[in-house]
Amino acid sequence: IESFLPCKKCIINANNFESVEQLVDVVQNLIENREHYLELLDWKNTEYDADEHPEFEKLRATSVDSSICRFAKKLHRGKEFSLKECGSSCVKEVQLLQKLSP
């Protein structure tokens, strides 16, 4: 499952533990130790690098998250919408196209 994630160390994979008790110990430690919990969330503060996550990029390229960019790109031929930059610019482009439509 790790190869399909957009980050490293961003989940607790239950398959990595030999027993339920070991998993419970880790989760309990996160509950009791805020510093360890924040370390688990540290990936959110790290800049995303698509080259480090090729399997996730394959999923993202066809996911509903990026559908607005793919839609805008098809409607507005010639203008490139990079998935890395996908966001409000694509939404604004689709809104403009909606205003221009009959």
PDB file of N, CA and C in Angstrom:
ATOM      1  N   ILE A   1       0.814  -1.195   0.000  1.00  0.00           N
ATOM      2  CA  ILE A   1       0.000   0.000   0.000  1.00  0.00           C
ATOM      3  C   ILE A   1       0.867   1.271   0.000  1.00  0.00           C
ATOM      4  N   GLU A   2       2.054   1.206   0.591  1.00  0.00           N
ATOM      5  CA  GLU A   2       2.898   2.396   0.695  1.00  0.00           C
ATOM      6  C   GLU A   2       3.234   3.006  -0.662  1.00  0.00           C
ATOM      7  N   SER A   3       3.362   2.179  -1.700  1.00  0.00           N
ATOM      8  CA  SER A   3       3.717   2.713  -3.014  1.00  0.00           C
ATOM      9  C   SER A   3       2.597   3.543  -3.629  1.00  0.00           C
ATOM     10  N   PHE A   4       1.386   3.420  -3.119  1.00  0.00           N
ATOM     11  CA  PHE A   4       0.253   4.176  -3.657  1.00  0.00           C
ATOM     12  C   PHE A   4      -0.073   5.423  -2.839  1.00  0.00           C
ATOM     13  N   LEU A   5       0.763   5.760  -1.881  1.00  0.00           N
ATOM     14  CA  LEU A   5       0.529   6.911  -1.026  1.00  0.00           C
ATOM     15  C   LEU A   5       1.255   8.150  -1.552  1.00  0.00           C
ATOM     16  N   PRO A   6       0.750   9.339  -1.227  1.00  0.00           N
ATOM     17  CA  PRO A   6       1.391  10.575  -1.678  1.00  0.00           C
ATOM     18  C   PRO A   6       2.498  11.063  -0.760  1.00  0.00           C
ATOM     19  N   CYS A   7       2.923  10.213   0.161  1.00  0.00           N
ATOM     20  CA  CYS A   7       3.927  10.642   1.130  1.00  0.00           C
ATOM     21  C   CYS A   7       4.558   9.409   1.777  1.00  0.00           C
ATOM     22  N   LYS A   8       5.638   9.658   2.476  1.00  0.00           N
ATOM     23  CA  LYS A   8       6.280   8.575   3.221  1.00  0.00           C
ATOM     24  C   LYS A   8       5.900   8.723   4.690  1.00  0.00           C
ATOM     25  N   LYS A   9       5.705   7.612   5.341  1.00  0.00           N
ATOM     26  CA  LYS A   9       5.377   7.605   6.773  1.00  0.00           C
ATOM     27  C   LYS A   9       4.124   8.426   7.085  1.00  0.00           C
ATOM     28  N   CYS A  10       3.085   8.312   6.273  1.00  0.00           N
ATOM     29  CA  CYS A  10       1.872   9.078   6.537  1.00  0.00           C
ATOM     30  C   CYS A  10       0.699   8.206   6.985  1.00  0.00           C
ATOM     31  N   ILE A  11       0.947   6.912   7.103  1.00  0.00           N
ATOM     32  CA  ILE A  11      -0.087   6.016   7.634  1.00  0.00           C
ATOM     33  C   ILE A  11       0.552   5.060   8.628  1.00  0.00           C
ATOM     34  N   ILE A  12      -0.301   4.447   9.393  1.00  0.00           N
ATOM     35  CA  ILE A  12       0.127   3.340  10.241  1.00  0.00           C
ATOM     36  C   ILE A  12      -0.412   2.092   9.554  1.00  0.00           C
ATOM     37  N   ASN A  13       0.465   1.347   8.934  1.00  0.00           N
ATOM     38  CA  ASN A  13       0.067   0.157   8.199  1.00  0.00           C
ATOM     39  C   ASN A  13       0.010  -1.027   9.167  1.00  0.00           C
ATOM     40  N   ALA A  14      -1.185  -1.480   9.428  1.00  0.00           N
ATOM     41  CA  ALA A  14      -1.380  -2.583  10.376  1.00  0.00           C
ATOM     42  C   ALA A  14      -0.655  -3.846   9.937  1.00  0.00           C
ATOM     43  N   ASN A  15      -0.401  -3.984   8.653  1.00  0.00           N
ATOM     44  CA  ASN A  15       0.306  -5.170   8.151  1.00  0.00           C
ATOM     45  C   ASN A  15       1.766  -5.204   8.571  1.00  0.00           C
ATOM     46  N   ASN A  16       2.287  -4.101   9.049  1.00  0.00           N
ATOM     47  CA  ASN A  16       3.692  -4.044   9.464  1.00  0.00           C
ATOM     48  C   ASN A  16       3.920  -4.522  10.899  1.00  0.00           C
ATOM     49  N   PHE A  17       2.871  -4.949  11.564  1.00  0.00           N
ATOM     50  CA  PHE A  17       2.976  -5.381  12.953  1.00  0.00           C
ATOM     51  C   PHE A  17       2.753  -6.883  13.057  1.00  0.00           C
ATOM     52  N   GLU A  18       3.474  -7.497  13.962  1.00  0.00           N
ATOM     53  CA  GLU A  18       3.355  -8.944  14.147  1.00  0.00           C
ATOM     54  C   GLU A  18       2.107  -9.324  14.934  1.00  0.00           C
ATOM     55  N   SER A  19       1.587  -8.363  15.701  1.00  0.00           N
ATOM     56  CA  SER A  19       0.399  -8.665  16.494  1.00  0.00           C
ATOM     57  C   SER A  19      -0.456  -7.413  16.647  1.00  0.00           C
ATOM     58  N   VAL A  20      -1.698  -7.625  17.006  1.00  0.00           N
ATOM     59  CA  VAL A  20      -2.612  -6.520  17.278  1.00  0.00           C
ATOM     60  C   VAL A  20      -2.102  -5.725  18.473  1.00  0.00           C
ATOM     61  N   GLU A  21      -1.518  -6.421  19.431  1.00  0.00           N
ATOM     62  CA  GLU A  21      -1.007  -5.756  20.627  1.00  0.00           C
ATOM     63  C   GLU A  21       0.081  -4.738  20.273  1.00  0.00           C
ATOM     64  N   GLN A  22       0.962  -5.091  19.335  1.00  0.00           N
ATOM     65  CA  GLN A  22       2.003  -4.143  18.913  1.00  0.00           C
ATOM     66  C   GLN A  22       1.377  -2.901  18.273  1.00  0.00           C
ATOM     67  N   LEU A  23       0.377  -3.115  17.450  1.00  0.00           N
ATOM     68  CA  LEU A  23      -0.329  -1.992  16.822  1.00  0.00           C
ATOM     69  C   LEU A  23      -1.005  -1.123  17.868  1.00  0.00           C
ATOM     70  N   VAL A  24      -1.650  -1.755  18.835  1.00  0.00           N
ATOM     71  CA  VAL A  24      -2.308  -1.016  19.916  1.00  0.00           C
ATOM     72  C   VAL A  24      -1.282  -0.193  20.695  1.00  0.00           C
ATOM     73  N   ASP A  25      -0.125  -0.760  20.945  1.00  0.00           N
ATOM     74  CA  ASP A  25       0.924  -0.022  21.662  1.00  0.00           C
ATOM     75  C   ASP A  25       1.334   1.237  20.908  1.00  0.00           C
ATOM     76  N   VAL A  26       1.480   1.116  19.600  1.00  0.00           N
ATOM     77  CA  VAL A  26       1.872   2.283  18.783  1.00  0.00           C
ATOM     78  C   VAL A  26       0.775   3.344  18.817  1.00  0.00           C
ATOM     79  N   VAL A  27      -0.451   2.934  18.631  1.00  0.00           N
ATOM     80  CA  VAL A  27      -1.564   3.888  18.640  1.00  0.00           C
ATOM     81  C   VAL A  27      -1.703   4.526  20.021  1.00  0.00           C
ATOM     82  N   GLN A  28      -1.580   3.742  21.056  1.00  0.00           N
ATOM     83  CA  GLN A  28      -1.653   4.274  22.419  1.00  0.00           C
ATOM     84  C   GLN A  28      -0.534   5.285  22.658  1.00  0.00           C
ATOM     85  N   ASN A  29       0.649   4.998  22.156  1.00  0.00           N
ATOM     86  CA  ASN A  29       1.772   5.917  22.276  1.00  0.00           C
ATOM     87  C   ASN A  29       1.459   7.238  21.575  1.00  0.00           C
ATOM     88  N   LEU A  30       0.824   7.169  20.426  1.00  0.00           N
ATOM     89  CA  LEU A  30       0.457   8.392  19.706  1.00  0.00           C
ATOM     90  C   LEU A  30      -0.583   9.206  20.478  1.00  0.00           C
ATOM     91  N   ILE A  31      -1.478   8.508  21.123  1.00  0.00           N
ATOM     92  CA  ILE A  31      -2.504   9.188  21.921  1.00  0.00           C
ATOM     93  C   ILE A  31      -1.874   9.888  23.128  1.00  0.00           C
ATOM     94  N   GLU A  32      -0.935   9.229  23.738  1.00  0.00           N
ATOM     95  CA  GLU A  32      -0.331   9.753  24.967  1.00  0.00           C
ATOM     96  C   GLU A  32       0.843  10.698  24.725  1.00  0.00           C
ATOM     97  N   ASN A  33       1.462  10.631  23.552  1.00  0.00           N
ATOM     98  CA  ASN A  33       2.662  11.415  23.292  1.00  0.00           C
ATOM     99  C   ASN A  33       2.441  12.319  22.076  1.00  0.00           C
ATOM    100  N   ARG A  34       2.093  13.554  22.354  1.00  0.00           N
ATOM    101  CA  ARG A  34       1.777  14.512  21.284  1.00  0.00           C
ATOM    102  C   ARG A  34       2.939  14.688  20.309  1.00  0.00           C
ATOM    103  N   GLU A  35       4.167  14.664  20.822  1.00  0.00           N
ATOM    104  CA  GLU A  35       5.343  14.833  19.963  1.00  0.00           C
ATOM    105  C   GLU A  35       5.415  13.720  18.911  1.00  0.00           C
ATOM    106  N   HIS A  36       5.171  12.492  19.322  1.00  0.00           N
ATOM    107  CA  HIS A  36       5.185  11.370  18.372  1.00  0.00           C
ATOM    108  C   HIS A  36       4.030  11.491  17.378  1.00  0.00           C
ATOM    109  N   TYR A  37       2.897  11.942  17.869  1.00  0.00           N
ATOM    110  CA  TYR A  37       1.739  12.144  16.987  1.00  0.00           C
ATOM    111  C   TYR A  37       2.064  13.193  15.928  1.00  0.00           C
ATOM    112  N   LEU A  38       2.667  14.299  16.341  1.00  0.00           N
ATOM    113  CA  LEU A  38       3.020  15.352  15.394  1.00  0.00           C
ATOM    114  C   LEU A  38       4.088  14.890  14.405  1.00  0.00           C
ATOM    115  N   GLU A  39       4.981  14.014  14.834  1.00  0.00           N
ATOM    116  CA  GLU A  39       5.969  13.443  13.915  1.00  0.00           C
ATOM    117  C   GLU A  39       5.276  12.639  12.819  1.00  0.00           C
ATOM    118  N   LEU A  40       4.209  11.937  13.179  1.00  0.00           N
ATOM    119  CA  LEU A  40       3.455  11.175  12.194  1.00  0.00           C
ATOM    120  C   LEU A  40       2.822  12.103  11.157  1.00  0.00           C
ATOM    121  N   LEU A  41       2.459  13.296  11.579  1.00  0.00           N
ATOM    122  CA  LEU A  41       1.827  14.257  10.676  1.00  0.00           C
ATOM    123  C   LEU A  41       2.822  15.164   9.959  1.00  0.00           C
ATOM    124  N   ASP A  42       4.095  14.981  10.225  1.00  0.00           N
ATOM    125  CA  ASP A  42       5.126  15.850   9.658  1.00  0.00           C
ATOM    126  C   ASP A  42       5.118  15.859   8.138  1.00  0.00           C
ATOM    127  N   TRP A  43       4.674  14.800   7.518  1.00  0.00           N
ATOM    128  CA  TRP A  43       4.628  14.733   6.057  1.00  0.00           C
ATOM    129  C   TRP A  43       3.804  15.872   5.465  1.00  0.00           C
ATOM    130  N   LYS A  44       2.846  16.392   6.219  1.00  0.00           N
ATOM    131  CA  LYS A  44       2.015  17.487   5.716  1.00  0.00           C
ATOM    132  C   LYS A  44       2.808  18.773   5.511  1.00  0.00           C
ATOM    133  N   ASN A  45       3.943  18.884   6.180  1.00  0.00           N
ATOM    134  CA  ASN A  45       4.776  20.082   6.073  1.00  0.00           C
ATOM    135  C   ASN A  45       5.913  19.915   5.066  1.00  0.00           C
ATOM    136  N   THR A  46       5.937  18.785   4.389  1.00  0.00           N
ATOM    137  CA  THR A  46       6.991  18.492   3.423  1.00  0.00           C
ATOM    138  C   THR A  46       6.456  18.726   2.017  1.00  0.00           C
ATOM    139  N   GLU A  47       7.236  19.412   1.204  1.00  0.00           N
ATOM    140  CA  GLU A  47       6.805  19.676  -0.162  1.00  0.00           C
ATOM    141  C   GLU A  47       6.662  18.361  -0.923  1.00  0.00           C
ATOM    142  N   TYR A  48       5.563  18.237  -1.640  1.00  0.00           N
ATOM    143  CA  TYR A  48       5.280  17.025  -2.398  1.00  0.00           C
ATOM    144  C   TYR A  48       6.157  16.980  -3.644  1.00  0.00           C
ATOM    145  N   ASP A  49       6.754  15.828  -3.895  1.00  0.00           N
ATOM    146  CA  ASP A  49       7.582  15.612  -5.076  1.00  0.00           C
ATOM    147  C   ASP A  49       6.993  14.441  -5.856  1.00  0.00           C
ATOM    148  N   ALA A  50       6.382  14.742  -6.984  1.00  0.00           N
ATOM    149  CA  ALA A  50       5.718  13.710  -7.786  1.00  0.00           C
ATOM    150  C   ALA A  50       6.674  12.619  -8.234  1.00  0.00           C
ATOM    151  N   ASP A  51       7.925  12.956  -8.468  1.00  0.00           N
ATOM    152  CA  ASP A  51       8.897  11.958  -8.914  1.00  0.00           C
ATOM    153  C   ASP A  51       9.164  10.886  -7.857  1.00  0.00           C
ATOM    154  N   GLU A  52       8.951  11.214  -6.597  1.00  0.00           N
ATOM    155  CA  GLU A  52       9.164  10.246  -5.516  1.00  0.00           C
ATOM    156  C   GLU A  52       7.987   9.288  -5.344  1.00  0.00           C
ATOM    157  N   HIS A  53       6.871   9.590  -5.986  1.00  0.00           N
ATOM    158  CA  HIS A  53       5.651   8.806  -5.785  1.00  0.00           C
ATOM    159  C   HIS A  53       4.982   8.467  -7.123  1.00  0.00           C
ATOM    160  N   PRO A  54       5.669   7.711  -7.992  1.00  0.00           N
ATOM    161  CA  PRO A  54       5.125   7.446  -9.330  1.00  0.00           C
ATOM    162  C   PRO A  54       3.803   6.675  -9.329  1.00  0.00           C
ATOM    163  N   GLU A  55       3.630   5.740  -8.416  1.00  0.00           N
ATOM    164  CA  GLU A  55       2.377   4.976  -8.371  1.00  0.00           C
ATOM    165  C   GLU A  55       1.211   5.866  -7.962  1.00  0.00           C
ATOM    166  N   PHE A  56       1.458   6.748  -7.003  1.00  0.00           N
ATOM    167  CA  PHE A  56       0.409   7.682  -6.597  1.00  0.00           C
ATOM    168  C   PHE A  56       0.063   8.616  -7.756  1.00  0.00           C
ATOM    169  N   GLU A  57       1.071   9.061  -8.497  1.00  0.00           N
ATOM    170  CA  GLU A  57       0.833   9.952  -9.632  1.00  0.00           C
ATOM    171  C   GLU A  57      -0.025   9.284 -10.693  1.00  0.00           C
ATOM    172  N   LYS A  58       0.185   7.976 -10.909  1.00  0.00           N
ATOM    173  CA  LYS A  58      -0.659   7.253 -11.870  1.00  0.00           C
ATOM    174  C   LYS A  58      -2.112   7.277 -11.415  1.00  0.00           C
ATOM    175  N   LEU A  59      -2.340   7.057 -10.127  1.00  0.00           N
ATOM    176  CA  LEU A  59      -3.702   7.102  -9.587  1.00  0.00           C
ATOM    177  C   LEU A  59      -4.281   8.505  -9.673  1.00  0.00           C
ATOM    178  N   ARG A  60      -3.470   9.471  -9.306  1.00  0.00           N
ATOM    179  CA  ARG A  60      -3.932  10.858  -9.297  1.00  0.00           C
ATOM    180  C   ARG A  60      -4.290  11.355 -10.690  1.00  0.00           C
ATOM    181  N   ALA A  61      -3.567  10.881 -11.689  1.00  0.00           N
ATOM    182  CA  ALA A  61      -3.808  11.317 -13.065  1.00  0.00           C
ATOM    183  C   ALA A  61      -5.193  10.927 -13.571  1.00  0.00           C
ATOM    184  N   THR A  62      -5.805   9.933 -12.948  1.00  0.00           N
ATOM    185  CA  THR A  62      -7.136   9.490 -13.376  1.00  0.00           C
ATOM    186  C   THR A  62      -8.182   9.633 -12.278  1.00  0.00           C
ATOM    187  N   SER A  63      -7.812  10.254 -11.174  1.00  0.00           N
ATOM    188  CA  SER A  63      -8.744  10.341 -10.047  1.00  0.00           C
ATOM    189  C   SER A  63      -9.719  11.502 -10.209  1.00  0.00           C
ATOM    190  N   VAL A  64     -10.742  11.474  -9.407  1.00  0.00           N
ATOM    191  CA  VAL A  64     -11.738  12.540  -9.429  1.00  0.00           C
ATOM    192  C   VAL A  64     -11.121  13.871  -8.976  1.00  0.00           C
ATOM    193  N   ASP A  65     -10.078  13.816  -8.147  1.00  0.00           N
ATOM    194  CA  ASP A  65      -9.424  15.044  -7.665  1.00  0.00           C
ATOM    195  C   ASP A  65      -8.905  15.901  -8.815  1.00  0.00           C
ATOM    196  N   SER A  66      -8.375  15.253  -9.836  1.00  0.00           N
ATOM    197  CA  SER A  66      -7.774  15.995 -10.940  1.00  0.00           C
ATOM    198  C   SER A  66      -8.699  16.081 -12.150  1.00  0.00           C
ATOM    199  N   SER A  67      -9.929  15.627 -12.021  1.00  0.00           N
ATOM    200  CA  SER A  67     -10.848  15.611 -13.161  1.00  0.00           C
ATOM    201  C   SER A  67     -11.144  17.012 -13.679  1.00  0.00           C
ATOM    202  N   ILE A  68     -11.224  17.988 -12.810  1.00  0.00           N
ATOM    203  CA  ILE A  68     -11.514  19.356 -13.246  1.00  0.00           C
ATOM    204  C   ILE A  68     -10.403  19.879 -14.153  1.00  0.00           C
ATOM    205  N   CYS A  69      -9.150  19.533 -13.849  1.00  0.00           N
ATOM    206  CA  CYS A  69      -8.036  19.955 -14.697  1.00  0.00           C
ATOM    207  C   CYS A  69      -8.085  19.255 -16.053  1.00  0.00           C
ATOM    208  N   ARG A  70      -8.375  17.974 -16.037  1.00  0.00           N
ATOM    209  CA  ARG A  70      -8.464  17.242 -17.304  1.00  0.00           C
ATOM    210  C   ARG A  70      -9.617  17.769 -18.141  1.00  0.00           C
ATOM    211  N   PHE A  71     -10.714  18.093 -17.502  1.00  0.00           N
ATOM    212  CA  PHE A  71     -11.880  18.641 -18.187  1.00  0.00           C
ATOM    213  C   PHE A  71     -11.551  20.007 -18.787  1.00  0.00           C
ATOM    214  N   ALA A  72     -10.935  20.876 -17.995  1.00  0.00           N
ATOM    215  CA  ALA A  72     -10.576  22.213 -18.478  1.00  0.00           C
ATOM    216  C   ALA A  72      -9.592  22.123 -19.637  1.00  0.00           C
ATOM    217  N   LYS A  73      -8.665  21.209 -19.554  1.00  0.00           N
ATOM    218  CA  LYS A  73      -7.665  21.040 -20.613  1.00  0.00           C
ATOM    219  C   LYS A  73      -8.340  20.640 -21.920  1.00  0.00           C
ATOM    220  N   LYS A  74      -9.317  19.743 -21.848  1.00  0.00           N
ATOM    221  CA  LYS A  74     -10.014  19.305 -23.067  1.00  0.00           C
ATOM    222  C   LYS A  74     -10.886  20.415 -23.634  1.00  0.00           C
ATOM    223  N   LEU A  75     -11.491  21.202 -22.772  1.00  0.00           N
ATOM    224  CA  LEU A  75     -12.349  22.283 -23.246  1.00  0.00           C
ATOM    225  C   LEU A  75     -11.548  23.450 -23.825  1.00  0.00           C
ATOM    226  N   HIS A  76     -10.421  23.700 -23.275  1.00  0.00           N
ATOM    227  CA  HIS A  76      -9.617  24.853 -23.686  1.00  0.00           C
ATOM    228  C   HIS A  76      -8.343  24.337 -24.346  1.00  0.00           C
ATOM    229  N   ARG A  77      -8.506  23.830 -25.545  1.00  0.00           N
ATOM    230  CA  ARG A  77      -7.375  23.215 -26.263  1.00  0.00           C
ATOM    231  C   ARG A  77      -6.205  24.177 -26.365  1.00  0.00           C
ATOM    232  N   GLY A  78      -5.031  23.612 -26.214  1.00  0.00           N
ATOM    233  CA  GLY A  78      -3.824  24.408 -26.367  1.00  0.00           C
ATOM    234  C   GLY A  78      -3.257  24.918 -25.065  1.00  0.00           C
ATOM    235  N   LYS A  79      -4.082  25.017 -24.044  1.00  0.00           N
ATOM    236  CA  LYS A  79      -3.577  25.471 -22.748  1.00  0.00           C
ATOM    237  C   LYS A  79      -3.308  24.256 -21.881  1.00  0.00           C
ATOM    238  N   GLU A  80      -2.121  24.186 -21.340  1.00  0.00           N
ATOM    239  CA  GLU A  80      -1.731  23.051 -20.509  1.00  0.00           C
ATOM    240  C   GLU A  80      -2.120  23.282 -19.059  1.00  0.00           C
ATOM    241  N   PHE A  81      -2.646  22.255 -18.434  1.00  0.00           N
ATOM    242  CA  PHE A  81      -2.960  22.283 -17.018  1.00  0.00           C
ATOM    243  C   PHE A  81      -2.190  21.149 -16.370  1.00  0.00           C
ATOM    244  N   SER A  82      -1.105  21.464 -15.735  1.00  0.00           N
ATOM    245  CA  SER A  82      -0.286  20.466 -15.078  1.00  0.00           C
ATOM    246  C   SER A  82      -0.990  19.969 -13.824  1.00  0.00           C
ATOM    247  N   LEU A  83      -0.951  18.657 -13.609  1.00  0.00           N
ATOM    248  CA  LEU A  83      -1.538  18.116 -12.388  1.00  0.00           C
ATOM    249  C   LEU A  83      -0.830  18.650 -11.156  1.00  0.00           C
ATOM    250  N   LYS A  84       0.468  18.979 -11.288  1.00  0.00           N
ATOM    251  CA  LYS A  84       1.194  19.524 -10.145  1.00  0.00           C
ATOM    252  C   LYS A  84       0.645  20.891  -9.755  1.00  0.00           C
ATOM    253  N   GLU A  85       0.139  21.613 -10.727  1.00  0.00           N
ATOM    254  CA  GLU A  85      -0.357  22.963 -10.480  1.00  0.00           C
ATOM    255  C   GLU A  85      -1.877  23.018 -10.446  1.00  0.00           C
ATOM    256  N   CYS A  86      -2.502  21.874 -10.548  1.00  0.00           N
ATOM    257  CA  CYS A  86      -3.957  21.808 -10.592  1.00  0.00           C
ATOM    258  C   CYS A  86      -4.543  22.383  -9.307  1.00  0.00           C
ATOM    259  N   GLY A  87      -5.518  23.174  -9.475  1.00  0.00           N
ATOM    260  CA  GLY A  87      -6.143  23.789  -8.305  1.00  0.00           C
ATOM    261  C   GLY A  87      -7.095  24.868  -8.733  1.00  0.00           C
ATOM    262  N   SER A  88      -7.023  26.006  -8.075  1.00  0.00           N
ATOM    263  CA  SER A  88      -7.989  27.068  -8.324  1.00  0.00           C
ATOM    264  C   SER A  88      -7.921  27.603  -9.740  1.00  0.00           C
ATOM    265  N   SER A  89      -6.751  27.564 -10.386  1.00  0.00           N
ATOM    266  CA  SER A  89      -6.663  28.076 -11.756  1.00  0.00           C
ATOM    267  C   SER A  89      -7.532  27.252 -12.693  1.00  0.00           C
ATOM    268  N   CYS A  90      -7.591  25.942 -12.490  1.00  0.00           N
ATOM    269  CA  CYS A  90      -8.437  25.097 -13.323  1.00  0.00           C
ATOM    270  C   CYS A  90      -9.913  25.384 -13.067  1.00  0.00           C
ATOM    271  N   VAL A  91     -10.263  25.560 -11.814  1.00  0.00           N
ATOM    272  CA  VAL A  91     -11.650  25.864 -11.467  1.00  0.00           C
ATOM    273  C   VAL A  91     -12.046  27.192 -12.099  1.00  0.00           C
ATOM    274  N   LYS A  92     -11.195  28.191 -12.025  1.00  0.00           N
ATOM    275  CA  LYS A  92     -11.487  29.496 -12.630  1.00  0.00           C
ATOM    276  C   LYS A  92     -11.645  29.371 -14.141  1.00  0.00           C
ATOM    277  N   GLU A  93     -10.815  28.536 -14.758  1.00  0.00           N
ATOM    278  CA  GLU A  93     -10.900  28.329 -16.206  1.00  0.00           C
ATOM    279  C   GLU A  93     -12.235  27.703 -16.584  1.00  0.00           C
ATOM    280  N   VAL A  94     -12.674  26.706 -15.832  1.00  0.00           N
ATOM    281  CA  VAL A  94     -13.960  26.069 -16.114  1.00  0.00           C
ATOM    282  C   VAL A  94     -15.097  27.061 -15.887  1.00  0.00           C
ATOM    283  N   GLN A  95     -15.019  27.874 -14.840  1.00  0.00           N
ATOM    284  CA  GLN A  95     -16.050  28.880 -14.602  1.00  0.00           C
ATOM    285  C   GLN A  95     -16.123  29.882 -15.749  1.00  0.00           C
ATOM    286  N   LEU A  96     -14.962  30.292 -16.271  1.00  0.00           N
ATOM    287  CA  LEU A  96     -14.942  31.202 -17.416  1.00  0.00           C
ATOM    288  C   LEU A  96     -15.578  30.536 -18.627  1.00  0.00           C
ATOM    289  N   LEU A  97     -15.243  29.284 -18.860  1.00  0.00           N
ATOM    290  CA  LEU A  97     -15.839  28.563 -19.985  1.00  0.00           C
ATOM    291  C   LEU A  97     -17.354  28.439 -19.829  1.00  0.00           C
ATOM    292  N   GLN A  98     -17.814  28.256 -18.592  1.00  0.00           N
ATOM    293  CA  GLN A  98     -19.251  28.180 -18.345  1.00  0.00           C
ATOM    294  C   GLN A  98     -19.933  29.500 -18.704  1.00  0.00           C
ATOM    295  N   LYS A  99     -19.295  30.614 -18.368  1.00  0.00           N
ATOM    296  CA  LYS A  99     -19.868  31.930 -18.696  1.00  0.00           C
ATOM    297  C   LYS A  99     -19.927  32.158 -20.187  1.00  0.00           C
ATOM    298  N   LEU A 100     -18.964  31.622 -20.917  1.00  0.00           N
ATOM    299  CA  LEU A 100     -18.900  31.817 -22.364  1.00  0.00           C
ATOM    300  C   LEU A 100     -19.824  30.891 -23.132  1.00  0.00           C
ATOM    301  N   SER A 101     -20.267  29.829 -22.484  1.00  0.00           N
ATOM    302  CA  SER A 101     -21.091  28.852 -23.194  1.00  0.00           C
ATOM    303  C   SER A 101     -22.502  29.405 -23.443  1.00  0.00           C
ATOM    304  N   PRO A 102     -23.140  28.944 -24.545  1.00  0.00           N
ATOM    305  CA  PRO A 102     -24.489  29.436 -24.863  1.00  0.00           C
ATOM    306  C   PRO A 102     -25.540  28.990 -23.872  1.00  0.00           C
TER     307      PRO A 102
END
